[in-house]
Every structure is written in structure tokens, then in C-alpha cells.
Amino acid sequence: MTVLIDPPNWPGPRGLMWSHLVSDSSLQELHDFALRLGVPERAFDRDHYDVPETVHARAVSLGAQAVSSRELLQRLVAAGLRRRKRR
């Protein structure tokens, strides 16, 4: 059971760079971690939370594993938790 976070490489609101926070075991683990981290529910998008660069170090200090964006996606897919946008 691991919560993963990728580097803040995605431009977003307020001029900040953003990361993705996911779990490789369950959405419940992800929601529980996000609650501990203080991330609002509105930041959840299908299978991940979008978190600003200002949260990255705290997420790692609480136990999130810092991985590349590629590894994050591979592990999310392998866990069967990937939820694509509907067309």
C-alpha cells in the first residue's frame, strides 16, 4: 500500500506548478491520505488529487513516495485504479 506523488510539473491555477497524488492500492487509502494532508475533496479528479507544489514536500514527509510521472501512471494502471475521461 503506497501513496505516490509525481514532481510538480503541471502548470495550474494561481501560477503554481501541480503534482498528482495517487494510491497504488485503493481509492480509500488515497482519500485518507489526502485528508491527513489537508487536501480538499474538490481536488479529487477520477483517480487522483491535483496538489500544488507547496504541498509536495509535506506529502513526502507524511509518507508519499516521490516518483516520476511515468512511474506514477504505470503503477496506477497496474493497480487497476486508472479512470480515463469519458469521450
N, C-alpha and C. Protein backbone atom coordinates (compact mmCIF):
# COMPACT_ATOMS: atom_id res chain seq x y z
N MET A 1 0.84 -1.18 0.00
CA MET A 1 0.00 0.00 0.00
C MET A 1 0.88 1.23 0.00
N THR A 2 0.77 1.99 -1.08
CA THR A 2 1.63 3.15 -1.22
C THR A 2 0.88 4.31 -1.85
N VAL A 3 1.09 5.48 -1.29
CA VAL A 3 0.62 6.71 -1.92
C VAL A 3 1.81 7.27 -2.68
N LEU A 4 1.56 7.69 -3.91
CA LEU A 4 2.62 8.18 -4.80
C LEU A 4 2.35 9.63 -5.16
N ILE A 5 3.42 10.38 -5.39
CA ILE A 5 3.30 11.76 -5.85
C ILE A 5 4.37 12.00 -6.93
N ASP A 6 3.96 12.63 -8.01
CA ASP A 6 4.93 12.94 -9.06
C ASP A 6 5.45 14.36 -8.88
N PRO A 7 6.48 14.75 -9.61
CA PRO A 7 7.04 16.10 -9.47
C PRO A 7 6.01 17.15 -9.88
N PRO A 8 6.10 18.33 -9.29
CA PRO A 8 5.19 19.42 -9.68
C PRO A 8 5.59 19.99 -11.05
N ASN A 9 5.14 19.31 -12.09
CA ASN A 9 5.50 19.68 -13.46
C ASN A 9 4.34 20.24 -14.28
N TRP A 10 3.16 20.34 -13.70
CA TRP A 10 1.97 20.71 -14.46
C TRP A 10 1.52 22.11 -14.08
N PRO A 11 1.53 23.05 -15.03
CA PRO A 11 1.07 24.41 -14.73
C PRO A 11 -0.40 24.42 -14.39
N GLY A 12 -0.75 25.24 -13.42
CA GLY A 12 -2.15 25.30 -12.99
C GLY A 12 -2.52 26.65 -12.42
N PRO A 13 -3.63 26.66 -11.70
CA PRO A 13 -4.14 27.91 -11.14
C PRO A 13 -3.15 28.61 -10.21
N ARG A 14 -3.33 29.89 -10.09
CA ARG A 14 -2.55 30.75 -9.19
C ARG A 14 -1.07 30.79 -9.54
N GLY A 15 -0.73 30.43 -10.78
CA GLY A 15 0.66 30.48 -11.22
C GLY A 15 1.54 29.43 -10.58
N LEU A 16 0.94 28.39 -10.00
CA LEU A 16 1.70 27.33 -9.34
C LEU A 16 1.87 26.14 -10.28
N MET A 17 2.86 25.33 -9.96
CA MET A 17 3.03 24.05 -10.64
C MET A 17 2.35 23.00 -9.76
N TRP A 18 1.81 21.95 -10.41
CA TRP A 18 0.98 20.98 -9.70
C TRP A 18 1.49 19.56 -9.90
N SER A 19 1.20 18.73 -8.90
CA SER A 19 1.54 17.31 -8.89
C SER A 19 0.26 16.49 -8.86
N HIS A 20 0.42 15.19 -9.11
CA HIS A 20 -0.67 14.24 -8.98
C HIS A 20 -0.37 13.35 -7.78
N LEU A 21 -1.38 13.11 -6.97
CA LEU A 21 -1.28 12.25 -5.80
C LEU A 21 -2.20 11.06 -6.05
N VAL A 22 -1.65 9.84 -6.00
CA VAL A 22 -2.43 8.62 -6.25
C VAL A 22 -2.08 7.54 -5.24
N SER A 23 -2.89 6.50 -5.22
CA SER A 23 -2.58 5.30 -4.45
C SER A 23 -2.41 4.15 -5.43
N ASP A 24 -1.52 3.22 -5.11
CA ASP A 24 -1.38 2.04 -5.95
C ASP A 24 -2.09 0.84 -5.33
N SER A 25 -2.99 1.12 -4.35
CA SER A 25 -3.73 0.01 -3.75
C SER A 25 -5.23 0.27 -3.65
N SER A 26 -5.65 1.48 -3.26
CA SER A 26 -7.09 1.73 -3.14
C SER A 26 -7.39 3.23 -3.12
N LEU A 27 -8.57 3.55 -3.59
CA LEU A 27 -9.00 4.95 -3.53
C LEU A 27 -9.22 5.37 -2.08
N GLN A 28 -9.64 4.44 -1.22
CA GLN A 28 -9.85 4.79 0.18
C GLN A 28 -8.53 5.21 0.83
N GLU A 29 -7.45 4.49 0.54
CA GLU A 29 -6.14 4.87 1.05
C GLU A 29 -5.79 6.29 0.57
N LEU A 30 -6.07 6.57 -0.68
CA LEU A 30 -5.79 7.89 -1.25
C LEU A 30 -6.60 8.97 -0.55
N HIS A 31 -7.91 8.73 -0.36
CA HIS A 31 -8.75 9.73 0.30
C HIS A 31 -8.31 9.96 1.75
N ASP A 32 -7.96 8.89 2.45
CA ASP A 32 -7.49 9.01 3.84
C ASP A 32 -6.21 9.84 3.91
N PHE A 33 -5.29 9.58 2.99
CA PHE A 33 -4.03 10.33 2.96
C PHE A 33 -4.28 11.80 2.64
N ALA A 34 -5.13 12.06 1.65
CA ALA A 34 -5.44 13.44 1.28
C ALA A 34 -6.05 14.20 2.45
N LEU A 35 -6.89 13.53 3.23
CA LEU A 35 -7.48 14.16 4.42
C LEU A 35 -6.40 14.52 5.42
N ARG A 36 -5.47 13.59 5.68
CA ARG A 36 -4.35 13.87 6.60
C ARG A 36 -3.48 15.02 6.09
N LEU A 37 -3.34 15.10 4.77
CA LEU A 37 -2.52 16.13 4.15
C LEU A 37 -3.22 17.49 4.12
N GLY A 38 -4.54 17.47 4.30
CA GLY A 38 -5.31 18.72 4.28
C GLY A 38 -5.74 19.15 2.89
N VAL A 39 -5.77 18.20 1.96
CA VAL A 39 -6.16 18.49 0.58
C VAL A 39 -7.69 18.43 0.50
N PRO A 40 -8.34 19.44 -0.04
CA PRO A 40 -9.80 19.44 -0.09
C PRO A 40 -10.33 18.41 -1.09
N GLU A 41 -11.54 17.91 -0.82
CA GLU A 41 -12.17 16.92 -1.70
C GLU A 41 -12.30 17.41 -3.13
N ARG A 42 -12.48 18.70 -3.31
CA ARG A 42 -12.66 19.24 -4.66
C ARG A 42 -11.42 19.06 -5.55
N ALA A 43 -10.28 18.72 -4.93
CA ALA A 43 -9.05 18.49 -5.69
C ALA A 43 -8.99 17.08 -6.29
N PHE A 44 -9.99 16.23 -5.97
CA PHE A 44 -10.01 14.87 -6.49
C PHE A 44 -10.58 14.86 -7.90
N ASP A 45 -9.89 14.15 -8.81
CA ASP A 45 -10.31 14.07 -10.21
C ASP A 45 -10.22 12.62 -10.69
N ARG A 46 -11.31 11.87 -10.60
CA ARG A 46 -11.46 10.49 -11.07
C ARG A 46 -10.59 9.46 -10.36
N ASP A 47 -9.26 9.65 -10.36
CA ASP A 47 -8.36 8.65 -9.78
C ASP A 47 -7.15 9.27 -9.09
N HIS A 48 -7.15 10.58 -8.97
CA HIS A 48 -6.00 11.27 -8.36
C HIS A 48 -6.44 12.60 -7.76
N TYR A 49 -5.58 13.13 -6.93
CA TYR A 49 -5.74 14.50 -6.44
C TYR A 49 -4.70 15.37 -7.14
N ASP A 50 -5.11 16.56 -7.53
CA ASP A 50 -4.18 17.56 -8.02
C ASP A 50 -3.74 18.37 -6.80
N VAL A 51 -2.44 18.44 -6.57
CA VAL A 51 -1.93 19.17 -5.41
C VAL A 51 -0.85 20.17 -5.86
N PRO A 52 -0.85 21.36 -5.26
CA PRO A 52 0.12 22.37 -5.66
C PRO A 52 1.53 22.04 -5.16
N GLU A 53 2.49 22.66 -5.80
CA GLU A 53 3.90 22.46 -5.44
C GLU A 53 4.17 22.74 -3.97
N THR A 54 3.36 23.60 -3.36
CA THR A 54 3.54 23.95 -1.95
C THR A 54 3.23 22.80 -1.01
N VAL A 55 2.60 21.74 -1.51
CA VAL A 55 2.19 20.59 -0.70
C VAL A 55 3.14 19.40 -0.91
N HIS A 56 3.94 19.42 -1.95
CA HIS A 56 4.76 18.26 -2.33
C HIS A 56 5.64 17.77 -1.18
N ALA A 57 6.43 18.63 -0.58
CA ALA A 57 7.36 18.21 0.47
C ALA A 57 6.61 17.65 1.68
N ARG A 58 5.49 18.25 2.03
CA ARG A 58 4.70 17.75 3.17
C ARG A 58 4.14 16.37 2.86
N ALA A 59 3.70 16.15 1.63
CA ALA A 59 3.18 14.83 1.25
C ALA A 59 4.28 13.77 1.42
N VAL A 60 5.48 14.09 0.98
CA VAL A 60 6.59 13.15 1.12
C VAL A 60 6.91 12.92 2.60
N SER A 61 6.88 13.98 3.40
CA SER A 61 7.18 13.83 4.83
C SER A 61 6.13 12.98 5.55
N LEU A 62 4.91 12.95 5.01
CA LEU A 62 3.85 12.13 5.60
C LEU A 62 3.85 10.70 5.06
N GLY A 63 4.77 10.41 4.12
CA GLY A 63 4.92 9.05 3.65
C GLY A 63 4.65 8.80 2.18
N ALA A 64 4.27 9.81 1.43
CA ALA A 64 4.08 9.60 -0.01
C ALA A 64 5.43 9.32 -0.65
N GLN A 65 5.43 8.44 -1.61
CA GLN A 65 6.67 8.10 -2.33
C GLN A 65 6.77 8.99 -3.56
N ALA A 66 7.85 9.74 -3.66
CA ALA A 66 8.08 10.60 -4.83
C ALA A 66 8.58 9.73 -5.98
N VAL A 67 7.83 9.79 -7.10
CA VAL A 67 8.18 9.00 -8.29
C VAL A 67 8.00 9.88 -9.52
N SER A 68 8.51 9.41 -10.64
CA SER A 68 8.31 10.14 -11.89
C SER A 68 6.85 10.05 -12.31
N SER A 69 6.44 10.95 -13.19
CA SER A 69 5.08 10.92 -13.70
C SER A 69 4.81 9.61 -14.44
N ARG A 70 5.79 9.14 -15.17
CA ARG A 70 5.65 7.88 -15.91
C ARG A 70 5.42 6.70 -14.95
N GLU A 71 6.23 6.61 -13.89
CA GLU A 71 6.07 5.52 -12.93
C GLU A 71 4.73 5.62 -12.22
N LEU A 72 4.33 6.83 -11.85
CA LEU A 72 3.04 7.03 -11.20
C LEU A 72 1.92 6.45 -12.06
N LEU A 73 1.91 6.79 -13.33
CA LEU A 73 0.87 6.31 -14.24
C LEU A 73 0.94 4.79 -14.40
N GLN A 74 2.13 4.25 -14.56
CA GLN A 74 2.29 2.80 -14.72
C GLN A 74 1.74 2.05 -13.51
N ARG A 75 2.04 2.55 -12.33
CA ARG A 75 1.59 1.87 -11.11
C ARG A 75 0.09 2.04 -10.90
N LEU A 76 -0.46 3.16 -11.29
CA LEU A 76 -1.90 3.39 -11.21
C LEU A 76 -2.63 2.42 -12.14
N VAL A 77 -2.14 2.28 -13.35
CA VAL A 77 -2.74 1.35 -14.32
C VAL A 77 -2.60 -0.09 -13.83
N ALA A 78 -1.41 -0.47 -13.36
CA ALA A 78 -1.17 -1.84 -12.88
C ALA A 78 -2.08 -2.20 -11.71
N ALA A 79 -2.42 -1.21 -10.90
CA ALA A 79 -3.31 -1.45 -9.75
C ALA A 79 -4.78 -1.54 -10.16
N GLY A 80 -5.06 -1.22 -11.42
CA GLY A 80 -6.44 -1.25 -11.88
C GLY A 80 -7.27 -0.07 -11.40
N LEU A 81 -6.60 1.00 -11.00
CA LEU A 81 -7.30 2.17 -10.46
C LEU A 81 -7.38 3.34 -11.44
N ARG A 82 -6.83 3.20 -12.63
CA ARG A 82 -6.85 4.28 -13.62
C ARG A 82 -8.27 4.48 -14.12
N ARG A 83 -8.75 5.73 -14.08
CA ARG A 83 -10.08 6.07 -14.57
C ARG A 83 -9.91 7.15 -15.63
N ARG A 84 -10.09 6.76 -16.89
CA ARG A 84 -9.93 7.69 -18.01
C ARG A 84 -11.16 8.59 -18.13
N LYS A 85 -10.95 9.76 -18.75
CA LYS A 85 -12.06 10.65 -19.06
C LYS A 85 -12.95 10.00 -20.08
N ARG A 86 -14.24 10.20 -19.93
CA ARG A 86 -15.17 9.70 -20.93
C ARG A 86 -15.16 10.62 -22.13
N ARG A 87 -15.31 10.03 -23.29
CA ARG A 87 -15.32 10.84 -24.53
C ARG A 87 -16.69 11.35 -24.83
